Amino acid sequence: MSVAEILQTIGDRFQSGATVKNVYGDPITCGDRTVIPVARVAYGFGGGGSSRIGSHAPEGGGGGGRMSAGPAGVVEISPAGTRFIPFTNWRNLAAIAALGFTLGCLVGARLPR
């Protein structure tokens, strides 16, 4: 199998697996309200190969990848209208703000007055 074929196979598998339905399932309907899950899906892959020019050694190749999915929010459809409700990770935002404040204090303390 050539490197191009390996990368094509990996890409095809990620493409078929990276759907919101595969991660969270079907939309949910309750009465006159429908909730559709929205996912943030990211993936990356790479590959490599080797061969010797002028030798009878077999061609080599390899590849790998990673896919991750996480909740981004939901789309709510009701008689009142349609809206997107985002899921915000407040813990990460608080950690980033605390880190920024701490670094600011450390740099500010080292500046000459």
PDB file of N, CA and C in Angstrom:
ATOM      1  N   MET A   1       0.848  -1.176   0.000  1.00  0.00           N
ATOM      2  CA  MET A   1       0.000   0.000   0.000  1.00  0.00           C
ATOM      3  C   MET A   1       0.891   1.236   0.000  1.00  0.00           C
ATOM      4  N   SER A   2       0.619   2.169  -0.889  1.00  0.00           N
ATOM      5  CA  SER A   2       1.439   3.375  -0.988  1.00  0.00           C
ATOM      6  C   SER A   2       1.038   4.375   0.090  1.00  0.00           C
ATOM      7  N   VAL A   3       1.869   5.385   0.274  1.00  0.00           N
ATOM      8  CA  VAL A   3       1.594   6.424   1.268  1.00  0.00           C
ATOM      9  C   VAL A   3       0.300   7.149   0.925  1.00  0.00           C
ATOM     10  N   ALA A   4       0.095   7.438  -0.352  1.00  0.00           N
ATOM     11  CA  ALA A   4      -1.135   8.126  -0.768  1.00  0.00           C
ATOM     12  C   ALA A   4      -2.370   7.293  -0.429  1.00  0.00           C
ATOM     13  N   GLU A   5      -2.292   5.984  -0.623  1.00  0.00           N
ATOM     14  CA  GLU A   5      -3.423   5.115  -0.297  1.00  0.00           C
ATOM     15  C   GLU A   5      -3.670   5.067   1.207  1.00  0.00           C
ATOM     16  N   ILE A   6      -2.596   5.048   2.001  1.00  0.00           N
ATOM     17  CA  ILE A   6      -2.728   5.044   3.465  1.00  0.00           C
ATOM     18  C   ILE A   6      -3.414   6.324   3.930  1.00  0.00           C
ATOM     19  N   LEU A   7      -2.960   7.462   3.424  1.00  0.00           N
ATOM     20  CA  LEU A   7      -3.565   8.739   3.817  1.00  0.00           C
ATOM     21  C   LEU A   7      -5.021   8.815   3.371  1.00  0.00           C
ATOM     22  N   GLN A   8      -5.331   8.295   2.201  1.00  0.00           N
ATOM     23  CA  GLN A   8      -6.713   8.296   1.718  1.00  0.00           C
ATOM     24  C   GLN A   8      -7.596   7.446   2.633  1.00  0.00           C
ATOM     25  N   THR A   9      -7.107   6.285   3.049  1.00  0.00           N
ATOM     26  CA  THR A   9      -7.867   5.415   3.941  1.00  0.00           C
ATOM     27  C   THR A   9      -8.127   6.096   5.285  1.00  0.00           C
ATOM     28  N   ILE A  10      -7.101   6.730   5.849  1.00  0.00           N
ATOM     29  CA  ILE A  10      -7.263   7.436   7.130  1.00  0.00           C
ATOM     30  C   ILE A  10      -8.267   8.570   6.977  1.00  0.00           C
ATOM     31  N   GLY A  11      -8.139   9.344   5.908  1.00  0.00           N
ATOM     32  CA  GLY A  11      -9.066  10.455   5.671  1.00  0.00           C
ATOM     33  C   GLY A  11     -10.498   9.988   5.518  1.00  0.00           C
ATOM     34  N   ASP A  12     -10.708   8.887   4.812  1.00  0.00           N
ATOM     35  CA  ASP A  12     -12.059   8.345   4.631  1.00  0.00           C
ATOM     36  C   ASP A  12     -12.672   7.905   5.950  1.00  0.00           C
ATOM     37  N   ARG A  13     -11.863   7.275   6.798  1.00  0.00           N
ATOM     38  CA  ARG A  13     -12.375   6.824   8.099  1.00  0.00           C
ATOM     39  C   ARG A  13     -12.747   8.004   8.987  1.00  0.00           C
ATOM     40  N   PHE A  14     -11.935   9.048   8.989  1.00  0.00           N
ATOM     41  CA  PHE A  14     -12.265  10.230   9.788  1.00  0.00           C
ATOM     42  C   PHE A  14     -13.499  10.924   9.251  1.00  0.00           C
ATOM     43  N   GLN A  15     -13.620  11.015   7.956  1.00  0.00           N
ATOM     44  CA  GLN A  15     -14.757  11.702   7.357  1.00  0.00           C
ATOM     45  C   GLN A  15     -16.064  11.008   7.722  1.00  0.00           C
ATOM     46  N   SER A  16     -16.071   9.691   7.721  1.00  0.00           N
ATOM     47  CA  SER A  16     -17.296   8.966   8.051  1.00  0.00           C
ATOM     48  C   SER A  16     -17.578   8.993   9.550  1.00  0.00           C
ATOM     49  N   GLY A  17     -16.564   9.158  10.389  1.00  0.00           N
ATOM     50  CA  GLY A  17     -16.763   9.139  11.833  1.00  0.00           C
ATOM     51  C   GLY A  17     -16.974  10.501  12.453  1.00  0.00           C
ATOM     52  N   ALA A  18     -16.626  11.560  11.760  1.00  0.00           N
ATOM     53  CA  ALA A  18     -16.659  12.907  12.337  1.00  0.00           C
ATOM     54  C   ALA A  18     -17.984  13.600  12.051  1.00  0.00           C
ATOM     55  N   THR A  19     -19.061  13.032  12.577  1.00  0.00           N
ATOM     56  CA  THR A  19     -20.362  13.665  12.412  1.00  0.00           C
ATOM     57  C   THR A  19     -20.996  13.858  13.784  1.00  0.00           C
ATOM     58  N   VAL A  20     -21.828  14.863  13.896  1.00  0.00           N
ATOM     59  CA  VAL A  20     -22.511  15.128  15.159  1.00  0.00           C
ATOM     60  C   VAL A  20     -23.413  13.949  15.517  1.00  0.00           C
ATOM     61  N   LYS A  21     -24.063  13.366  14.526  1.00  0.00           N
ATOM     62  CA  LYS A  21     -24.966  12.242  14.793  1.00  0.00           C
ATOM     63  C   LYS A  21     -24.215  11.064  15.398  1.00  0.00           C
ATOM     64  N   ASN A  22     -23.009  10.797  14.916  1.00  0.00           N
ATOM     65  CA  ASN A  22     -22.221   9.706  15.482  1.00  0.00           C
ATOM     66  C   ASN A  22     -21.786   9.993  16.908  1.00  0.00           C
ATOM     67  N   VAL A  23     -21.598  11.258  17.241  1.00  0.00           N
ATOM     68  CA  VAL A  23     -21.124  11.624  18.575  1.00  0.00           C
ATOM     69  C   VAL A  23     -22.278  11.771  19.562  1.00  0.00           C
ATOM     70  N   TYR A  24     -23.344  12.470  19.183  1.00  0.00           N
ATOM     71  CA  TYR A  24     -24.410  12.821  20.116  1.00  0.00           C
ATOM     72  C   TYR A  24     -25.777  12.232  19.796  1.00  0.00           C
ATOM     73  N   GLY A  25     -25.956  11.666  18.621  1.00  0.00           N
ATOM     74  CA  GLY A  25     -27.237  11.063  18.289  1.00  0.00           C
ATOM     75  C   GLY A  25     -28.142  12.003  17.517  1.00  0.00           C
ATOM     76  N   ASP A  26     -29.394  11.615  17.439  1.00  0.00           N
ATOM     77  CA  ASP A  26     -30.390  12.343  16.663  1.00  0.00           C
ATOM     78  C   ASP A  26     -30.944  13.532  17.440  1.00  0.00           C
ATOM     79  N   PRO A  27     -31.560  14.490  16.720  1.00  0.00           N
ATOM     80  CA  PRO A  27     -32.254  15.588  17.405  1.00  0.00           C
ATOM     81  C   PRO A  27     -33.376  15.040  18.289  1.00  0.00           C
ATOM     82  N   ILE A  28     -33.714  15.797  19.317  1.00  0.00           N
ATOM     83  CA  ILE A  28     -34.746  15.392  20.273  1.00  0.00           C
ATOM     84  C   ILE A  28     -35.931  16.339  20.123  1.00  0.00           C
ATOM     85  N   THR A  29     -37.121  15.768  20.000  1.00  0.00           N
ATOM     86  CA  THR A  29     -38.340  16.563  19.886  1.00  0.00           C
ATOM     87  C   THR A  29     -39.219  16.277  21.089  1.00  0.00           C
ATOM     88  N   CYS A  30     -39.681  17.360  21.716  1.00  0.00           N
ATOM     89  CA  CYS A  30     -40.576  17.246  22.867  1.00  0.00           C
ATOM     90  C   CYS A  30     -41.663  18.297  22.692  1.00  0.00           C
ATOM     91  N   GLY A  31     -42.862  17.849  22.403  1.00  0.00           N
ATOM     92  CA  GLY A  31     -43.948  18.788  22.157  1.00  0.00           C
ATOM     93  C   GLY A  31     -43.691  19.576  20.886  1.00  0.00           C
ATOM     94  N   ASP A  32     -43.710  20.895  21.008  1.00  0.00           N
ATOM     95  CA  ASP A  32     -43.474  21.756  19.848  1.00  0.00           C
ATOM     96  C   ASP A  32     -42.042  22.294  19.814  1.00  0.00           C
ATOM     97  N   ARG A  33     -41.148  21.679  20.569  1.00  0.00           N
ATOM     98  CA  ARG A  33     -39.758  22.131  20.659  1.00  0.00           C
ATOM     99  C   ARG A  33     -38.826  21.024  20.180  1.00  0.00           C
ATOM    100  N   THR A  34     -37.843  21.395  19.356  1.00  0.00           N
ATOM    101  CA  THR A  34     -36.834  20.457  18.874  1.00  0.00           C
ATOM    102  C   THR A  34     -35.466  20.971  19.282  1.00  0.00           C
ATOM    103  N   VAL A  35     -34.635  20.075  19.814  1.00  0.00           N
ATOM    104  CA  VAL A  35     -33.274  20.423  20.222  1.00  0.00           C
ATOM    105  C   VAL A  35     -32.309  19.595  19.380  1.00  0.00           C
ATOM    106  N   ILE A  36     -31.410  20.283  18.687  1.00  0.00           N
ATOM    107  CA  ILE A  36     -30.434  19.635  17.820  1.00  0.00           C
ATOM    108  C   ILE A  36     -29.051  19.842  18.411  1.00  0.00           C
ATOM    109  N   PRO A  37     -28.327  18.767  18.765  1.00  0.00           N
ATOM    110  CA  PRO A  37     -26.979  18.927  19.327  1.00  0.00           C
ATOM    111  C   PRO A  37     -25.988  19.411  18.278  1.00  0.00           C
ATOM    112  N   VAL A  38     -25.055  20.238  18.721  1.00  0.00           N
ATOM    113  CA  VAL A  38     -24.008  20.774  17.854  1.00  0.00           C
ATOM    114  C   VAL A  38     -22.662  20.404  18.471  1.00  0.00           C
ATOM    115  N   ALA A  39     -21.799  19.806  17.675  1.00  0.00           N
ATOM    116  CA  ALA A  39     -20.491  19.374  18.172  1.00  0.00           C
ATOM    117  C   ALA A  39     -19.383  20.165  17.500  1.00  0.00           C
ATOM    118  N   ARG A  40     -18.299  20.323  18.218  1.00  0.00           N
ATOM    119  CA  ARG A  40     -17.064  20.887  17.662  1.00  0.00           C
ATOM    120  C   ARG A  40     -16.151  19.697  17.409  1.00  0.00           C
ATOM    121  N   VAL A  41     -15.891  19.429  16.141  1.00  0.00           N
ATOM    122  CA  VAL A  41     -15.112  18.256  15.753  1.00  0.00           C
ATOM    123  C   VAL A  41     -13.807  18.726  15.129  1.00  0.00           C
ATOM    124  N   ALA A  42     -12.704  18.148  15.583  1.00  0.00           N
ATOM    125  CA  ALA A  42     -11.385  18.476  15.036  1.00  0.00           C
ATOM    126  C   ALA A  42     -10.631  17.188  14.766  1.00  0.00           C
ATOM    127  N   TYR A  43      -9.901  17.191  13.679  1.00  0.00           N
ATOM    128  CA  TYR A  43      -9.091  16.024  13.391  1.00  0.00           C
ATOM    129  C   TYR A  43      -7.848  16.427  12.614  1.00  0.00           C
ATOM    130  N   GLY A  44      -6.841  15.599  12.727  1.00  0.00           N
ATOM    131  CA  GLY A  44      -5.599  15.827  12.003  1.00  0.00           C
ATOM    132  C   GLY A  44      -4.942  14.489  11.734  1.00  0.00           C
ATOM    133  N   PHE A  45      -4.184  14.450  10.687  1.00  0.00           N
ATOM    134  CA  PHE A  45      -3.511  13.209  10.366  1.00  0.00           C
ATOM    135  C   PHE A  45      -2.244  13.496   9.586  1.00  0.00           C
ATOM    136  N   GLY A  46      -1.399  12.515   9.515  1.00  0.00           N
ATOM    137  CA  GLY A  46      -0.146  12.656   8.786  1.00  0.00           C
ATOM    138  C   GLY A  46       0.378  11.294   8.391  1.00  0.00           C
ATOM    139  N   GLY A  47       1.365  11.307   7.582  1.00  0.00           N
ATOM    140  CA  GLY A  47       1.940  10.046   7.123  1.00  0.00           C
ATOM    141  C   GLY A  47       3.337  10.258   6.596  1.00  0.00           C
ATOM    142  N   GLY A  48       3.974   9.187   6.311  1.00  0.00           N
ATOM    143  CA  GLY A  48       5.329   9.260   5.783  1.00  0.00           C
ATOM    144  C   GLY A  48       5.674   7.994   5.034  1.00  0.00           C
ATOM    145  N   GLY A  49       6.752   8.034   4.339  1.00  0.00           N
ATOM    146  CA  GLY A  49       7.151   6.858   3.579  1.00  0.00           C
ATOM    147  C   GLY A  49       8.634   6.871   3.299  1.00  0.00           C
ATOM    148  N   SER A  50       9.096   5.777   2.755  1.00  0.00           N
ATOM    149  CA  SER A  50      10.513   5.650   2.463  1.00  0.00           C
ATOM    150  C   SER A  50      10.699   4.663   1.332  1.00  0.00           C
ATOM    151  N   SER A  51      11.720   4.871   0.536  1.00  0.00           N
ATOM    152  CA  SER A  51      12.108   3.902  -0.488  1.00  0.00           C
ATOM    153  C   SER A  51      13.548   4.164  -0.867  1.00  0.00           C
ATOM    154  N   ARG A  52      14.199   3.165  -1.384  1.00  0.00           N
ATOM    155  CA  ARG A  52      15.588   3.306  -1.828  1.00  0.00           C
ATOM    156  C   ARG A  52      15.613   3.315  -3.348  1.00  0.00           C
ATOM    157  N   ILE A  53      16.196   4.337  -3.884  1.00  0.00           N
ATOM    158  CA  ILE A  53      16.321   4.418  -5.331  1.00  0.00           C
ATOM    159  C   ILE A  53      17.452   3.488  -5.763  1.00  0.00           C
ATOM    160  N   GLY A  54      17.169   2.668  -6.739  1.00  0.00           N
ATOM    161  CA  GLY A  54      18.188   1.772  -7.249  1.00  0.00           C
ATOM    162  C   GLY A  54      18.331   0.476  -6.485  1.00  0.00           C
ATOM    163  N   SER A  55      17.472   0.184  -5.573  1.00  0.00           N
ATOM    164  CA  SER A  55      17.549  -1.080  -4.847  1.00  0.00           C
ATOM    165  C   SER A  55      16.236  -1.830  -5.016  1.00  0.00           C
ATOM    166  N   HIS A  56      16.219  -3.053  -4.575  1.00  0.00           N
ATOM    167  CA  HIS A  56      15.009  -3.858  -4.663  1.00  0.00           C
ATOM    168  C   HIS A  56      14.284  -3.918  -3.325  1.00  0.00           C
ATOM    169  N   ALA A  57      14.608  -3.030  -2.411  1.00  0.00           N
ATOM    170  CA  ALA A  57      13.954  -3.002  -1.104  1.00  0.00           C
ATOM    171  C   ALA A  57      12.492  -2.596  -1.277  1.00  0.00           C
ATOM    172  N   PRO A  58      11.609  -3.155  -0.484  1.00  0.00           N
ATOM    173  CA  PRO A  58      10.197  -2.792  -0.611  1.00  0.00           C
ATOM    174  C   PRO A  58       9.959  -1.346  -0.181  1.00  0.00           C
ATOM    175  N   GLU A  59       8.937  -0.757  -0.745  1.00  0.00           N
ATOM    176  CA  GLU A  59       8.549   0.605  -0.393  1.00  0.00           C
ATOM    177  C   GLU A  59       7.918   0.592   0.994  1.00  0.00           C
ATOM    178  N   GLY A  60       8.177   1.606   1.800  1.00  0.00           N
ATOM    179  CA  GLY A  60       7.628   1.689   3.148  1.00  0.00           C
ATOM    180  C   GLY A  60       6.634   2.819   3.262  1.00  0.00           C
ATOM    181  N   GLY A  61       5.884   2.824   4.304  1.00  0.00           N
ATOM    182  CA  GLY A  61       4.911   3.890   4.519  1.00  0.00           C
ATOM    183  C   GLY A  61       4.286   3.750   5.884  1.00  0.00           C
ATOM    184  N   GLY A  62       3.597   4.784   6.305  1.00  0.00           N
ATOM    185  CA  GLY A  62       2.921   4.763   7.599  1.00  0.00           C
ATOM    186  C   GLY A  62       2.048   5.977   7.751  1.00  0.00           C
ATOM    187  N   GLY A  63       1.165   5.928   8.675  1.00  0.00           N
ATOM    188  CA  GLY A  63       0.282   7.060   8.891  1.00  0.00           C
ATOM    189  C   GLY A  63      -0.423   6.934  10.221  1.00  0.00           C
ATOM    190  N   GLY A  64      -1.020   8.008  10.629  1.00  0.00           N
ATOM    191  CA  GLY A  64      -1.759   8.015  11.878  1.00  0.00           C
ATOM    192  C   GLY A  64      -2.609   9.252  11.959  1.00  0.00           C
ATOM    193  N   GLY A  65      -3.458   9.297  12.932  1.00  0.00           N
ATOM    194  CA  GLY A  65      -4.323  10.458  13.059  1.00  0.00           C
ATOM    195  C   GLY A  65      -5.017  10.486  14.399  1.00  0.00           C
ATOM    196  N   ARG A  66      -5.731  11.566  14.599  1.00  0.00           N
ATOM    197  CA  ARG A  66      -6.461  11.767  15.850  1.00  0.00           C
ATOM    198  C   ARG A  66      -7.717  12.551  15.545  1.00  0.00           C
ATOM    199  N   MET A  67      -8.796  12.178  16.216  1.00  0.00           N
ATOM    200  CA  MET A  67     -10.041  12.915  16.085  1.00  0.00           C
ATOM    201  C   MET A  67     -10.577  13.185  17.483  1.00  0.00           C
ATOM    202  N   SER A  68     -11.088  14.389  17.684  1.00  0.00           N
ATOM    203  CA  SER A  68     -11.723  14.687  18.964  1.00  0.00           C
ATOM    204  C   SER A  68     -13.022  15.433  18.701  1.00  0.00           C
ATOM    205  N   ALA A  69     -13.968  15.228  19.583  1.00  0.00           N
ATOM    206  CA  ALA A  69     -15.262  15.892  19.465  1.00  0.00           C
ATOM    207  C   ALA A  69     -15.702  16.325  20.848  1.00  0.00           C
ATOM    208  N   GLY A  70     -16.300  17.476  20.901  1.00  0.00           N
ATOM    209  CA  GLY A  70     -16.810  17.996  22.166  1.00  0.00           C
ATOM    210  C   GLY A  70     -18.061  18.801  21.928  1.00  0.00           C
ATOM    211  N   PRO A  71     -18.865  18.971  22.939  1.00  0.00           N
ATOM    212  CA  PRO A  71     -20.110  19.721  22.767  1.00  0.00           C
ATOM    213  C   PRO A  71     -19.844  21.198  22.531  1.00  0.00           C
ATOM    214  N   ALA A  72     -20.525  21.765  21.567  1.00  0.00           N
ATOM    215  CA  ALA A  72     -20.422  23.200  21.289  1.00  0.00           C
ATOM    216  C   ALA A  72     -21.690  23.928  21.719  1.00  0.00           C
ATOM    217  N   GLY A  73     -22.811  23.222  21.708  1.00  0.00           N
ATOM    218  CA  GLY A  73     -24.074  23.825  22.089  1.00  0.00           C
ATOM    219  C   GLY A  73     -25.227  23.069  21.477  1.00  0.00           C
ATOM    220  N   VAL A  74     -26.386  23.712  21.447  1.00  0.00           N
ATOM    221  CA  VAL A  74     -27.566  23.133  20.824  1.00  0.00           C
ATOM    222  C   VAL A  74     -28.293  24.204  20.030  1.00  0.00           C
ATOM    223  N   VAL A  75     -29.021  23.750  19.031  1.00  0.00           N
ATOM    224  CA  VAL A  75     -29.940  24.624  18.300  1.00  0.00           C
ATOM    225  C   VAL A  75     -31.331  24.265  18.789  1.00  0.00           C
ATOM    226  N   GLU A  76     -32.061  25.258  19.288  1.00  0.00           N
ATOM    227  CA  GLU A  76     -33.411  25.038  19.784  1.00  0.00           C
ATOM    228  C   GLU A  76     -34.393  25.646  18.795  1.00  0.00           C
ATOM    229  N   ILE A  77     -35.331  24.830  18.346  1.00  0.00           N
ATOM    230  CA  ILE A  77     -36.362  25.284  17.412  1.00  0.00           C
ATOM    231  C   ILE A  77     -37.699  25.187  18.129  1.00  0.00           C
ATOM    232  N   SER A  78     -38.380  26.324  18.249  1.00  0.00           N
ATOM    233  CA  SER A  78     -39.669  26.372  18.931  1.00  0.00           C
ATOM    234  C   SER A  78     -40.572  27.349  18.184  1.00  0.00           C
ATOM    235  N   PRO A  79     -41.845  27.418  18.548  1.00  0.00           N
ATOM    236  CA  PRO A  79     -42.725  28.394  17.898  1.00  0.00           C
ATOM    237  C   PRO A  79     -42.255  29.838  18.089  1.00  0.00           C
ATOM    238  N   ALA A  80     -41.505  30.097  19.150  1.00  0.00           N
ATOM    239  CA  ALA A  80     -41.006  31.447  19.407  1.00  0.00           C
ATOM    240  C   ALA A  80     -39.847  31.814  18.490  1.00  0.00           C
ATOM    241  N   GLY A  81     -39.226  30.814  17.853  1.00  0.00           N
ATOM    242  CA  GLY A  81     -38.102  31.081  16.959  1.00  0.00           C
ATOM    243  C   GLY A  81     -37.015  30.032  17.108  1.00  0.00           C
ATOM    244  N   THR A  82     -35.927  30.286  16.432  1.00  0.00           N
ATOM    245  CA  THR A  82     -34.774  29.390  16.467  1.00  0.00           C
ATOM    246  C   THR A  82     -33.608  30.130  17.097  1.00  0.00           C
ATOM    247  N   ARG A  83     -32.896  29.454  17.978  1.00  0.00           N
ATOM    248  CA  ARG A  83     -31.735  30.089  18.611  1.00  0.00           C
ATOM    249  C   ARG A  83     -30.653  29.046  18.875  1.00  0.00           C
ATOM    250  N   PHE A  84     -29.414  29.522  18.898  1.00  0.00           N
ATOM    251  CA  PHE A  84     -28.271  28.686  19.243  1.00  0.00           C
ATOM    252  C   PHE A  84     -27.917  28.947  20.690  1.00  0.00           C
ATOM    253  N   ILE A  85     -27.785  27.906  21.473  1.00  0.00           N
ATOM    254  CA  ILE A  85     -27.419  28.026  22.886  1.00  0.00           C
ATOM    255  C   ILE A  85     -26.017  27.425  23.033  1.00  0.00           C
ATOM    256  N   PRO A  86     -25.002  28.287  23.191  1.00  0.00           N
ATOM    257  CA  PRO A  86     -23.629  27.760  23.281  1.00  0.00           C
ATOM    258  C   PRO A  86     -23.339  27.175  24.656  1.00  0.00           C
ATOM    259  N   PHE A  87     -22.467  26.174  24.681  1.00  0.00           N
ATOM    260  CA  PHE A  87     -21.949  25.625  25.927  1.00  0.00           C
ATOM    261  C   PHE A  87     -20.580  26.246  26.137  1.00  0.00           C
ATOM    262  N   THR A  88     -20.451  27.062  27.149  1.00  0.00           N
ATOM    263  CA  THR A  88     -19.186  27.727  27.434  1.00  0.00           C
ATOM    264  C   THR A  88     -18.496  27.006  28.585  1.00  0.00           C
ATOM    265  N   ASN A  89     -17.211  26.743  28.429  1.00  0.00           N
ATOM    266  CA  ASN A  89     -16.442  26.080  29.468  1.00  0.00           C
ATOM    267  C   ASN A  89     -15.882  27.151  30.402  1.00  0.00           C
ATOM    268  N   TRP A  90     -16.638  27.472  31.442  1.00  0.00           N
ATOM    269  CA  TRP A  90     -16.251  28.547  32.359  1.00  0.00           C
ATOM    270  C   TRP A  90     -14.992  28.198  33.146  1.00  0.00           C
ATOM    271  N   ARG A  91     -14.762  26.923  33.405  1.00  0.00           N
ATOM    272  CA  ARG A  91     -13.571  26.523  34.157  1.00  0.00           C
ATOM    273  C   ARG A  91     -12.304  26.882  33.377  1.00  0.00           C
ATOM    274  N   ASN A  92     -12.272  26.597  32.084  1.00  0.00           N
ATOM    275  CA  ASN A  92     -11.103  26.951  31.270  1.00  0.00           C
ATOM    276  C   ASN A  92     -10.922  28.460  31.178  1.00  0.00           C
ATOM    277  N   LEU A  93     -12.028  29.197  31.006  1.00  0.00           N
ATOM    278  CA  LEU A  93     -11.927  30.656  30.928  1.00  0.00           C
ATOM    279  C   LEU A  93     -11.410  31.247  32.241  1.00  0.00           C
ATOM    280  N   ALA A  94     -11.864  30.721  33.371  1.00  0.00           N
ATOM    281  CA  ALA A  94     -11.396  31.213  34.669  1.00  0.00           C
ATOM    282  C   ALA A  94      -9.912  30.902  34.867  1.00  0.00           C
ATOM    283  N   ALA A  95      -9.475  29.715  34.442  1.00  0.00           N
ATOM    284  CA  ALA A  95      -8.062  29.352  34.578  1.00  0.00           C
ATOM    285  C   ALA A  95      -7.178  30.258  33.719  1.00  0.00           C
ATOM    286  N   ILE A  96      -7.616  30.568  32.518  1.00  0.00           N
ATOM    287  CA  ILE A  96      -6.845  31.448  31.636  1.00  0.00           C
ATOM    288  C   ILE A  96      -6.782  32.853  32.215  1.00  0.00           C
ATOM    289  N   ALA A  97      -7.905  33.354  32.751  1.00  0.00           N
ATOM    290  CA  ALA A  97      -7.909  34.688  33.352  1.00  0.00           C
ATOM    291  C   ALA A  97      -6.989  34.743  34.571  1.00  0.00           C
ATOM    292  N   ALA A  98      -7.016  33.710  35.412  1.00  0.00           N
ATOM    293  CA  ALA A  98      -6.149  33.669  36.591  1.00  0.00           C
ATOM    294  C   ALA A  98      -4.678  33.620  36.192  1.00  0.00           C
ATOM    295  N   LEU A  99      -4.364  32.836  35.176  1.00  0.00           N
ATOM    296  CA  LEU A  99      -2.986  32.761  34.693  1.00  0.00           C
ATOM    297  C   LEU A  99      -2.530  34.115  34.147  1.00  0.00           C
ATOM    298  N   GLY A 100      -3.376  34.771  33.379  1.00  0.00           N
ATOM    299  CA  GLY A 100      -3.032  36.100  32.853  1.00  0.00           C
ATOM    300  C   GLY A 100      -2.814  37.116  33.959  1.00  0.00           C
ATOM    301  N   PHE A 101      -3.669  37.105  34.977  1.00  0.00           N
ATOM    302  CA  PHE A 101      -3.522  38.024  36.100  1.00  0.00           C
ATOM    303  C   PHE A 101      -2.220  37.763  36.844  1.00  0.00           C
ATOM    304  N   THR A 102      -1.913  36.487  37.092  1.00  0.00           N
ATOM    305  CA  THR A 102      -0.688  36.123  37.811  1.00  0.00           C
ATOM    306  C   THR A 102       0.553  36.550  37.029  1.00  0.00           C
ATOM    307  N   LEU A 103       0.567  36.261  35.736  1.00  0.00           N
ATOM    308  CA  LEU A 103       1.711  36.672  34.916  1.00  0.00           C
ATOM    309  C   LEU A 103       1.851  38.185  34.875  1.00  0.00           C
ATOM    310  N   GLY A 104       0.732  38.896  34.808  1.00  0.00           N
ATOM    311  CA  GLY A 104       0.777  40.360  34.825  1.00  0.00           C
ATOM    312  C   GLY A 104       1.367  40.899  36.112  1.00  0.00           C
ATOM    313  N   CYS A 105       0.992  40.301  37.236  1.00  0.00           N
ATOM    314  CA  CYS A 105       1.541  40.729  38.529  1.00  0.00           C
ATOM    315  C   CYS A 105       3.040  40.440  38.616  1.00  0.00           C
ATOM    316  N   LEU A 106       3.470  39.278  38.133  1.00  0.00           N
ATOM    317  CA  LEU A 106       4.885  38.924  38.184  1.00  0.00           C
ATOM    318  C   LEU A 106       5.718  39.847  37.297  1.00  0.00           C
ATOM    319  N   VAL A 107       5.250  40.121  36.104  1.00  0.00           N
ATOM    320  CA  VAL A 107       5.997  41.021  35.197  1.00  0.00           C
ATOM    321  C   VAL A 107       5.968  42.447  35.735  1.00  0.00           C
ATOM    322  N   GLY A 108       4.843  42.865  36.277  1.00  0.00           N
ATOM    323  CA  GLY A 108       4.737  44.230  36.825  1.00  0.00           C
ATOM    324  C   GLY A 108       5.632  44.432  38.026  1.00  0.00           C
ATOM    325  N   ALA A 109       5.821  43.400  38.835  1.00  0.00           N
ATOM    326  CA  ALA A 109       6.685  43.521  40.026  1.00  0.00           C
ATOM    327  C   ALA A 109       8.141  43.622  39.656  1.00  0.00           C
ATOM    328  N   ARG A 110       8.527  43.121  38.491  1.00  0.00           N
ATOM    329  CA  ARG A 110       9.923  43.136  38.082  1.00  0.00           C
ATOM    330  C   ARG A 110      10.296  44.410  37.294  1.00  0.00           C
ATOM    331  N   LEU A 111       9.319  45.190  36.914  1.00  0.00           N
ATOM    332  CA  LEU A 111       9.625  46.423  36.170  1.00  0.00           C
ATOM    333  C   LEU A 111      10.189  47.480  37.114  1.00  0.00           C
ATOM    334  N   PRO A 112      11.182  48.244  36.649  1.00  0.00           N
ATOM    335  CA  PRO A 112      11.716  49.313  37.516  1.00  0.00           C
ATOM    336  C   PRO A 112      10.678  50.416  37.707  1.00  0.00           C
ATOM    337  N   ARG A 113      10.735  51.012  38.864  1.00  0.00           N
ATOM    338  CA  ARG A 113       9.761  52.061  39.186  1.00  0.00           C
ATOM    339  C   ARG A 113      10.376  53.412  39.116  1.00  0.00           C
TER     340      ARG A 113
END
